Amino acid sequence: MQYNASVVIPALNEKNNLSRLIPALEKNNIASIYIIDDKSTDGTSELVQNFNNAHFLLRNGRLGLISAEIDGMRLSGTDYVVVMDADFSHNPDDVPGMIRQAIDTSSDLVIGSRYTDNGITNDEFIRKIISRIANIIFRLSFDIDLYDCTSGFRVYSRKACDFIGKQVDIENGYVGQVDIVNRLAHNGFKITEYPVVFVKRTEGKSKLKMREIVNFFLFVIYNKKIFRPIISMSALVILIIVISFFIIRFV
């Protein structure tokens, strides 16, 4: 079935992954694929010659994950926009089901969720703990009944894309994902979750940095809706994360 949907993929040095991901998406009847490239040095832009359905926006430098997603939303113009990573941690075979759920439930945002019923994450143990804690803190602090607000695997309606495109102060990077959920949820947009299996990347390097995770907790701490007990817990969690990253990198 052909959907009036496009896929937006922020990319930085993901040539090998994209050369496999684009054909996988085309098999799932995705009409248009937008690669938002932040000045890759591995020849990613050369792929544009190989795929008719792929459109490349080459940006002048590392302008950030969320701005890449928003640029892709503006370019697409389709009724639904899928946002996903290039590294196969998001399964392209889940895309049709997520789009169908958006249509059938009139959802403005469908989150590919690792933590809803039947969702699975196969990430590293430390990253699982970090992600779980982050989602619990966000759910309690913002009073939003969702279980995976940090997931970057999503389907947006055109109405949600237009709304997000007008928000000039959305946080960039990892924290931007929860910022978007918070804004949509508290402005009357319908959000649902779709169970997915998250797979650890096999090629390339993760773009998630220590700074991104700290920024997430700072965002939660300074938000006006936060419960005061969360502040102390967040500070403790940040300390645990710092120690964990040192273990991952140097042990």
C-alpha atoms as a PDB file:
ATOM      1  CA  MET A   1       0.000   0.000   0.000  1.00  0.00           C
ATOM      2  CA  GLN A   2       1.293   3.435  -0.942  1.00  0.00           C
ATOM      3  CA  TYR A   3       1.119   6.006   1.836  1.00  0.00           C
ATOM      4  CA  ASN A   4       1.279   9.762   1.521  1.00  0.00           C
ATOM      5  CA  ALA A   5       4.283   9.685   3.802  1.00  0.00           C
ATOM      6  CA  SER A   6       7.949  10.510   3.629  1.00  0.00           C
ATOM      7  CA  VAL A   7      10.945   9.610   5.778  1.00  0.00           C
ATOM      8  CA  VAL A   8      13.394  12.117   7.232  1.00  0.00           C
ATOM      9  CA  ILE A   9      16.819  10.837   8.274  1.00  0.00           C
ATOM     10  CA  PRO A  10      19.355  13.140   9.959  1.00  0.00           C
ATOM     11  CA  ALA A  11      22.792  11.935   8.930  1.00  0.00           C
ATOM     12  CA  LEU A  12      26.436  12.468   9.746  1.00  0.00           C
ATOM     13  CA  ASN A  13      28.924  10.019   8.219  1.00  0.00           C
ATOM     14  CA  GLU A  14      26.335   7.288   7.667  1.00  0.00           C
ATOM     15  CA  LYS A  15      27.098   6.383   4.038  1.00  0.00           C
ATOM     16  CA  ASN A  16      27.394   2.622   4.604  1.00  0.00           C
ATOM     17  CA  ASN A  17      24.208   2.458   6.645  1.00  0.00           C
ATOM     18  CA  LEU A  18      22.226   4.663   4.258  1.00  0.00           C
ATOM     19  CA  SER A  19      23.237   2.586   1.250  1.00  0.00           C
ATOM     20  CA  ARG A  20      21.328  -0.298   2.861  1.00  0.00           C
ATOM     21  CA  LEU A  21      18.576   1.665   4.610  1.00  0.00           C
ATOM     22  CA  ILE A  22      17.287   3.569   1.579  1.00  0.00           C
ATOM     23  CA  PRO A  23      16.511   0.372  -0.436  1.00  0.00           C
ATOM     24  CA  ALA A  24      14.869  -1.158   2.652  1.00  0.00           C
ATOM     25  CA  LEU A  25      12.560   1.853   2.951  1.00  0.00           C
ATOM     26  CA  GLU A  26      11.778   1.823  -0.765  1.00  0.00           C
ATOM     27  CA  LYS A  27      10.616  -1.795  -0.405  1.00  0.00           C
ATOM     28  CA  ASN A  28       8.116  -0.565   2.166  1.00  0.00           C
ATOM     29  CA  ASN A  29       6.501   1.797  -0.364  1.00  0.00           C
ATOM     30  CA  ILE A  30       7.914   5.040   0.977  1.00  0.00           C
ATOM     31  CA  ALA A  31       7.623   7.571  -1.827  1.00  0.00           C
ATOM     32  CA  SER A  32      10.175  10.130  -0.658  1.00  0.00           C
ATOM     33  CA  ILE A  33      13.218   9.950   1.589  1.00  0.00           C
ATOM     34  CA  TYR A  34      14.967  13.069   2.826  1.00  0.00           C
ATOM     35  CA  ILE A  35      18.547  12.798   4.057  1.00  0.00           C
ATOM     36  CA  ILE A  36      19.554  15.849   6.090  1.00  0.00           C
ATOM     37  CA  ASP A  37      23.323  15.755   6.026  1.00  0.00           C
ATOM     38  CA  ASP A  38      25.422  17.869   8.384  1.00  0.00           C
ATOM     39  CA  LYS A  39      28.554  18.036   6.255  1.00  0.00           C
ATOM     40  CA  SER A  40      29.561  14.380   6.291  1.00  0.00           C
ATOM     41  CA  THR A  41      33.119  13.557   5.293  1.00  0.00           C
ATOM     42  CA  ASP A  42      32.538   9.947   4.210  1.00  0.00           C
ATOM     43  CA  GLY A  43      30.939  10.679   0.850  1.00  0.00           C
ATOM     44  CA  THR A  44      27.333  10.415   2.018  1.00  0.00           C
ATOM     45  CA  SER A  45      26.219  13.008  -0.533  1.00  0.00           C
ATOM     46  CA  GLU A  46      27.376  10.755  -3.377  1.00  0.00           C
ATOM     47  CA  LEU A  47      24.452   8.425  -2.671  1.00  0.00           C
ATOM     48  CA  VAL A  48      22.034  10.907  -4.234  1.00  0.00           C
ATOM     49  CA  GLN A  49      23.140   9.611  -7.639  1.00  0.00           C
ATOM     50  CA  ASN A  50      22.055   6.067  -6.808  1.00  0.00           C
ATOM     51  CA  PHE A  51      18.493   6.506  -5.546  1.00  0.00           C
ATOM     52  CA  ASN A  52      15.661   8.274  -7.351  1.00  0.00           C
ATOM     53  CA  ASN A  53      13.476   8.614  -4.262  1.00  0.00           C
ATOM     54  CA  ALA A  54      16.197  10.054  -2.031  1.00  0.00           C
ATOM     55  CA  HIS A  55      16.597  13.800  -1.643  1.00  0.00           C
ATOM     56  CA  PHE A  56      19.651  15.246   0.074  1.00  0.00           C
ATOM     57  CA  LEU A  57      19.842  18.514   1.964  1.00  0.00           C
ATOM     58  CA  LEU A  58      23.509  19.279   2.538  1.00  0.00           C
ATOM     59  CA  ARG A  59      23.904  21.662   5.469  1.00  0.00           C
ATOM     60  CA  ASN A  60      26.997  23.685   6.220  1.00  0.00           C
ATOM     61  CA  GLY A  61      28.168  22.128   9.463  1.00  0.00           C
ATOM     62  CA  ARG A  62      26.809  20.328  12.486  1.00  0.00           C
ATOM     63  CA  LEU A  63      23.592  22.235  13.106  1.00  0.00           C
ATOM     64  CA  GLY A  64      21.993  19.639  15.346  1.00  0.00           C
ATOM     65  CA  LEU A  65      19.561  16.720  15.359  1.00  0.00           C
ATOM     66  CA  ILE A  66      16.289  18.537  15.951  1.00  0.00           C
ATOM     67  CA  SER A  67      16.973  21.298  13.428  1.00  0.00           C
ATOM     68  CA  ALA A  68      17.734  18.552  10.879  1.00  0.00           C
ATOM     69  CA  GLU A  69      14.407  16.873  11.616  1.00  0.00           C
ATOM     70  CA  ILE A  70      12.527  20.150  11.303  1.00  0.00           C
ATOM     71  CA  ASP A  71      14.269  21.020   8.031  1.00  0.00           C
ATOM     72  CA  GLY A  72      13.186  17.627   6.719  1.00  0.00           C
ATOM     73  CA  MET A  73       9.597  18.171   7.836  1.00  0.00           C
ATOM     74  CA  ARG A  74       9.498  21.471   5.972  1.00  0.00           C
ATOM     75  CA  LEU A  75      10.873  19.906   2.803  1.00  0.00           C
ATOM     76  CA  SER A  76       8.581  16.884   2.765  1.00  0.00           C
ATOM     77  CA  GLY A  77       5.072  18.296   2.421  1.00  0.00           C
ATOM     78  CA  THR A  78       3.476  14.848   2.897  1.00  0.00           C
ATOM     79  CA  ASP A  79       0.550  14.017   5.204  1.00  0.00           C
ATOM     80  CA  TYR A  80       2.835  12.011   7.479  1.00  0.00           C
ATOM     81  CA  VAL A  81       6.544  12.298   8.176  1.00  0.00           C
ATOM     82  CA  VAL A  82       8.586   9.462   9.629  1.00  0.00           C
ATOM     83  CA  VAL A  83      11.733  10.469  11.517  1.00  0.00           C
ATOM     84  CA  MET A  84      14.318   7.773  12.147  1.00  0.00           C
ATOM     85  CA  ASP A  85      18.031   7.131  12.619  1.00  0.00           C
ATOM     86  CA  ALA A  86      20.264   5.913   9.816  1.00  0.00           C
ATOM     87  CA  ASP A  87      22.004   3.195  11.816  1.00  0.00           C
ATOM     88  CA  PHE A  88      19.326   0.421  11.717  1.00  0.00           C
ATOM     89  CA  SER A  89      18.615   0.785  15.431  1.00  0.00           C
ATOM     90  CA  HIS A  90      15.179   1.703  14.046  1.00  0.00           C
ATOM     91  CA  ASN A  91      13.799  -1.131  11.932  1.00  0.00           C
ATOM     92  CA  PRO A  92      12.547   0.064   8.511  1.00  0.00           C
ATOM     93  CA  ASP A  93      10.015  -2.778   8.557  1.00  0.00           C
ATOM     94  CA  ASP A  94       8.237  -1.039  11.463  1.00  0.00           C
ATOM     95  CA  VAL A  95       7.538   2.049   9.369  1.00  0.00           C
ATOM     96  CA  PRO A  96       4.337   0.843   7.606  1.00  0.00           C
ATOM     97  CA  GLY A  97       2.792  -0.263  10.901  1.00  0.00           C
ATOM     98  CA  MET A  98       3.596   3.032  12.580  1.00  0.00           C
ATOM     99  CA  ILE A  99       2.090   4.994   9.689  1.00  0.00           C
ATOM    100  CA  ARG A 100      -1.012   2.795   9.718  1.00  0.00           C
ATOM    101  CA  GLN A 101      -1.438   3.397  13.443  1.00  0.00           C
ATOM    102  CA  ALA A 102      -1.150   7.155  12.903  1.00  0.00           C
ATOM    103  CA  ILE A 103      -3.886   6.970  10.269  1.00  0.00           C
ATOM    104  CA  ASP A 104      -6.201   4.551  12.101  1.00  0.00           C
ATOM    105  CA  THR A 105      -5.999   6.360  15.449  1.00  0.00           C
ATOM    106  CA  SER A 106      -5.773   9.917  14.040  1.00  0.00           C
ATOM    107  CA  SER A 107      -2.545  10.353  15.994  1.00  0.00           C
ATOM    108  CA  ASP A 108      -0.456  13.463  15.493  1.00  0.00           C
ATOM    109  CA  LEU A 109       2.595  11.655  16.840  1.00  0.00           C
ATOM    110  CA  VAL A 110       3.288   7.926  16.965  1.00  0.00           C
ATOM    111  CA  ILE A 111       6.367   7.075  19.009  1.00  0.00           C
ATOM    112  CA  GLY A 112       8.276   3.888  18.253  1.00  0.00           C
ATOM    113  CA  SER A 113       8.400   2.760  21.864  1.00  0.00           C
ATOM    114  CA  ARG A 114      10.857   0.388  23.502  1.00  0.00           C
ATOM    115  CA  TYR A 115       8.998   0.413  26.802  1.00  0.00           C
ATOM    116  CA  THR A 116       5.336  -0.006  25.940  1.00  0.00           C
ATOM    117  CA  ASP A 117       3.830  -3.512  25.893  1.00  0.00           C
ATOM    118  CA  ASN A 118       5.766  -5.769  23.484  1.00  0.00           C
ATOM    119  CA  GLY A 119       8.490  -3.166  22.989  1.00  0.00           C
ATOM    120  CA  ILE A 120      12.099  -4.343  23.407  1.00  0.00           C
ATOM    121  CA  THR A 121      15.489  -2.670  23.664  1.00  0.00           C
ATOM    122  CA  ASN A 122      18.723  -4.528  22.914  1.00  0.00           C
ATOM    123  CA  ASP A 123      21.009  -1.626  23.749  1.00  0.00           C
ATOM    124  CA  GLU A 124      23.985  -1.744  26.118  1.00  0.00           C
ATOM    125  CA  PHE A 125      23.065  -2.305  29.768  1.00  0.00           C
ATOM    126  CA  ILE A 126      24.247   1.120  30.928  1.00  0.00           C
ATOM    127  CA  ARG A 127      22.359   2.854  28.141  1.00  0.00           C
ATOM    128  CA  LYS A 128      19.232   0.891  29.028  1.00  0.00           C
ATOM    129  CA  ILE A 129      19.463   2.142  32.607  1.00  0.00           C
ATOM    130  CA  ILE A 130      20.068   5.732  31.491  1.00  0.00           C
ATOM    131  CA  SER A 131      17.127   5.616  29.090  1.00  0.00           C
ATOM    132  CA  ARG A 132      14.771   4.019  31.608  1.00  0.00           C
ATOM    133  CA  ILE A 133      15.608   6.556  34.295  1.00  0.00           C
ATOM    134  CA  ALA A 134      15.261   9.455  31.874  1.00  0.00           C
ATOM    135  CA  ASN A 135      11.811   8.316  30.791  1.00  0.00           C
ATOM    136  CA  ILE A 136      10.594   7.723  34.330  1.00  0.00           C
ATOM    137  CA  ILE A 137      11.750  11.176  35.401  1.00  0.00           C
ATOM    138  CA  PHE A 138      10.165  12.818  32.356  1.00  0.00           C
ATOM    139  CA  ARG A 139       6.868  10.954  32.809  1.00  0.00           C
ATOM    140  CA  LEU A 140       6.589  11.975  36.461  1.00  0.00           C
ATOM    141  CA  SER A 141       7.787  15.531  35.989  1.00  0.00           C
ATOM    142  CA  PHE A 142       5.611  16.463  33.027  1.00  0.00           C
ATOM    143  CA  ASP A 143       2.578  14.303  33.890  1.00  0.00           C
ATOM    144  CA  ILE A 144       2.459  12.754  30.424  1.00  0.00           C
ATOM    145  CA  ASP A 145       1.207   9.169  30.213  1.00  0.00           C
ATOM    146  CA  LEU A 146       3.827   7.878  27.787  1.00  0.00           C
ATOM    147  CA  TYR A 147       6.649   5.411  28.356  1.00  0.00           C
ATOM    148  CA  ASP A 148       9.296   6.273  25.749  1.00  0.00           C
ATOM    149  CA  CYS A 149       9.445  10.032  25.275  1.00  0.00           C
ATOM    150  CA  THR A 150      13.152   9.928  24.409  1.00  0.00           C
ATOM    151  CA  SER A 151      12.733   7.665  21.380  1.00  0.00           C
ATOM    152  CA  GLY A 152      13.745   9.282  18.103  1.00  0.00           C
ATOM    153  CA  PHE A 153      11.731   6.832  15.977  1.00  0.00           C
ATOM    154  CA  ARG A 154       8.517   8.704  15.205  1.00  0.00           C
ATOM    155  CA  VAL A 155       5.690   9.433  12.814  1.00  0.00           C
ATOM    156  CA  TYR A 156       4.317  12.990  12.761  1.00  0.00           C
ATOM    157  CA  SER A 157       1.117  14.217  11.160  1.00  0.00           C
ATOM    158  CA  ARG A 158       1.332  17.223   8.868  1.00  0.00           C
ATOM    159  CA  LYS A 159      -0.497  19.288  11.491  1.00  0.00           C
ATOM    160  CA  ALA A 160       2.139  18.374  14.084  1.00  0.00           C
ATOM    161  CA  CYS A 161       4.954  19.140  11.612  1.00  0.00           C
ATOM    162  CA  ASP A 162       3.514  22.570  10.883  1.00  0.00           C
ATOM    163  CA  PHE A 163       3.211  23.281  14.610  1.00  0.00           C
ATOM    164  CA  ILE A 164       6.779  22.168  15.334  1.00  0.00           C
ATOM    165  CA  GLY A 165       8.097  24.170  12.391  1.00  0.00           C
ATOM    166  CA  LYS A 166       6.770  27.364  13.975  1.00  0.00           C
ATOM    167  CA  GLN A 167       8.458  26.718  17.330  1.00  0.00           C
ATOM    168  CA  VAL A 168      11.640  28.760  17.194  1.00  0.00           C
ATOM    169  CA  ASP A 169      13.095  27.763  20.558  1.00  0.00           C
ATOM    170  CA  ILE A 170      12.921  23.952  20.625  1.00  0.00           C
ATOM    171  CA  GLU A 171      15.887  22.441  22.422  1.00  0.00           C
ATOM    172  CA  ASN A 172      18.370  20.828  20.067  1.00  0.00           C
ATOM    173  CA  GLY A 173      19.879  17.372  20.351  1.00  0.00           C
ATOM    174  CA  TYR A 174      18.668  14.555  22.584  1.00  0.00           C
ATOM    175  CA  VAL A 175      16.650  16.824  24.887  1.00  0.00           C
ATOM    176  CA  GLY A 176      14.737  18.175  21.902  1.00  0.00           C
ATOM    177  CA  GLN A 177      12.870  14.886  21.571  1.00  0.00           C
ATOM    178  CA  VAL A 178      11.242  15.304  24.989  1.00  0.00           C
ATOM    179  CA  ASP A 179      10.780  19.027  24.431  1.00  0.00           C
ATOM    180  CA  ILE A 180       8.708  18.232  21.328  1.00  0.00           C
ATOM    181  CA  VAL A 181       6.626  15.618  23.155  1.00  0.00           C
ATOM    182  CA  ASN A 182       5.954  18.075  25.969  1.00  0.00           C
ATOM    183  CA  ARG A 183       4.851  20.824  23.578  1.00  0.00           C
ATOM    184  CA  LEU A 184       2.605  18.562  21.521  1.00  0.00           C
ATOM    185  CA  ALA A 185       1.033  16.912  24.559  1.00  0.00           C
ATOM    186  CA  HIS A 186       0.196  20.208  26.220  1.00  0.00           C
ATOM    187  CA  ASN A 187      -1.191  21.754  23.045  1.00  0.00           C
ATOM    188  CA  GLY A 188      -3.860  19.144  22.422  1.00  0.00           C
ATOM    189  CA  PHE A 189      -2.079  16.887  19.921  1.00  0.00           C
ATOM    190  CA  LYS A 190      -2.815  13.171  20.134  1.00  0.00           C
ATOM    191  CA  ILE A 191       0.200  10.974  20.904  1.00  0.00           C
ATOM    192  CA  THR A 192       0.285   7.171  20.872  1.00  0.00           C
ATOM    193  CA  GLU A 193       3.033   4.557  21.166  1.00  0.00           C
ATOM    194  CA  TYR A 194       3.864   1.687  18.841  1.00  0.00           C
ATOM    195  CA  PRO A 195       5.967  -1.235  20.147  1.00  0.00           C
ATOM    196  CA  VAL A 196       9.348  -1.608  18.439  1.00  0.00           C
ATOM    197  CA  VAL A 197      12.538  -3.577  18.920  1.00  0.00           C
ATOM    198  CA  PHE A 198      15.510  -1.246  19.339  1.00  0.00           C
ATOM    199  CA  VAL A 199      18.776  -2.722  18.060  1.00  0.00           C
ATOM    200  CA  LYS A 200      22.248  -1.501  18.911  1.00  0.00           C
ATOM    201  CA  ARG A 201      24.005  -0.024  15.870  1.00  0.00           C
ATOM    202  CA  THR A 202      26.488  -2.292  14.075  1.00  0.00           C
ATOM    203  CA  GLU A 203      28.270   0.362  11.980  1.00  0.00           C
ATOM    204  CA  GLY A 204      29.410   3.904  12.662  1.00  0.00           C
ATOM    205  CA  LYS A 205      29.589   5.789  15.934  1.00  0.00           C
ATOM    206  CA  SER A 206      26.808   6.865  18.240  1.00  0.00           C
ATOM    207  CA  LYS A 207      26.050  10.603  18.164  1.00  0.00           C
ATOM    208  CA  LEU A 208      24.817  10.603  21.764  1.00  0.00           C
ATOM    209  CA  LYS A 209      27.315  12.490  23.907  1.00  0.00           C
ATOM    210  CA  MET A 210      27.638  13.068  27.626  1.00  0.00           C
ATOM    211  CA  ARG A 211      26.635  16.709  27.138  1.00  0.00           C
ATOM    212  CA  GLU A 212      23.328  15.674  25.569  1.00  0.00           C
ATOM    213  CA  ILE A 213      22.327  13.585  28.559  1.00  0.00           C
ATOM    214  CA  VAL A 214      23.292  16.263  31.065  1.00  0.00           C
ATOM    215  CA  ASN A 215      21.263  18.782  29.043  1.00  0.00           C
ATOM    216  CA  PHE A 216      18.255  16.498  29.324  1.00  0.00           C
ATOM    217  CA  PHE A 217      18.394  16.504  33.102  1.00  0.00           C
ATOM    218  CA  LEU A 218      18.969  20.256  33.208  1.00  0.00           C
ATOM    219  CA  PHE A 219      15.907  20.696  30.997  1.00  0.00           C
ATOM    220  CA  VAL A 220      13.808  18.652  33.404  1.00  0.00           C
ATOM    221  CA  ILE A 221      15.221  20.330  36.506  1.00  0.00           C
ATOM    222  CA  TYR A 222      14.539  23.866  35.310  1.00  0.00           C
ATOM    223  CA  ASN A 223      11.099  23.207  33.856  1.00  0.00           C
ATOM    224  CA  LYS A 224       8.372  24.918  35.873  1.00  0.00           C
ATOM    225  CA  LYS A 225       6.249  21.779  36.156  1.00  0.00           C
ATOM    226  CA  ILE A 226       8.904  19.721  37.873  1.00  0.00           C
ATOM    227  CA  PHE A 227       8.263  18.094  41.221  1.00  0.00           C
ATOM    228  CA  ARG A 228      10.874  19.212  43.759  1.00  0.00           C
ATOM    229  CA  PRO A 229      11.915  15.677  44.816  1.00  0.00           C
ATOM    230  CA  ILE A 230      12.977  15.051  41.241  1.00  0.00           C
ATOM    231  CA  ILE A 231      15.684  17.706  41.507  1.00  0.00           C
ATOM    232  CA  SER A 232      17.670  15.738  44.058  1.00  0.00           C
ATOM    233  CA  MET A 233      17.163  12.490  42.185  1.00  0.00           C
ATOM    234  CA  SER A 234      18.244  14.081  38.907  1.00  0.00           C
ATOM    235  CA  ALA A 235      21.455  15.358  40.435  1.00  0.00           C
ATOM    236  CA  LEU A 236      22.230  11.868  41.685  1.00  0.00           C
ATOM    237  CA  VAL A 237      21.423  10.320  38.320  1.00  0.00           C
ATOM    238  CA  ILE A 238      23.688  12.782  36.508  1.00  0.00           C
ATOM    239  CA  LEU A 239      26.531  11.726  38.777  1.00  0.00           C
ATOM    240  CA  ILE A 240      25.818   8.056  38.062  1.00  0.00           C
ATOM    241  CA  ILE A 241      25.759   8.757  34.317  1.00  0.00           C
ATOM    242  CA  VAL A 242      29.093  10.549  34.408  1.00  0.00           C
ATOM    243  CA  ILE A 243      30.663   7.592  36.201  1.00  0.00           C
ATOM    244  CA  SER A 244      28.998   5.156  33.791  1.00  0.00           C
ATOM    245  CA  PHE A 245      30.339   6.919  30.717  1.00  0.00           C
ATOM    246  CA  PHE A 246      33.836   6.864  32.132  1.00  0.00           C
ATOM    247  CA  ILE A 247      33.440   3.121  32.655  1.00  0.00           C
ATOM    248  CA  ILE A 248      32.155   2.602  29.084  1.00  0.00           C
ATOM    249  CA  ARG A 249      34.925   4.646  27.491  1.00  0.00           C
ATOM    250  CA  PHE A 250      37.954   3.769  29.538  1.00  0.00           C
ATOM    251  CA  VAL A 251      37.420   0.333  31.074  1.00  0.00           C
END
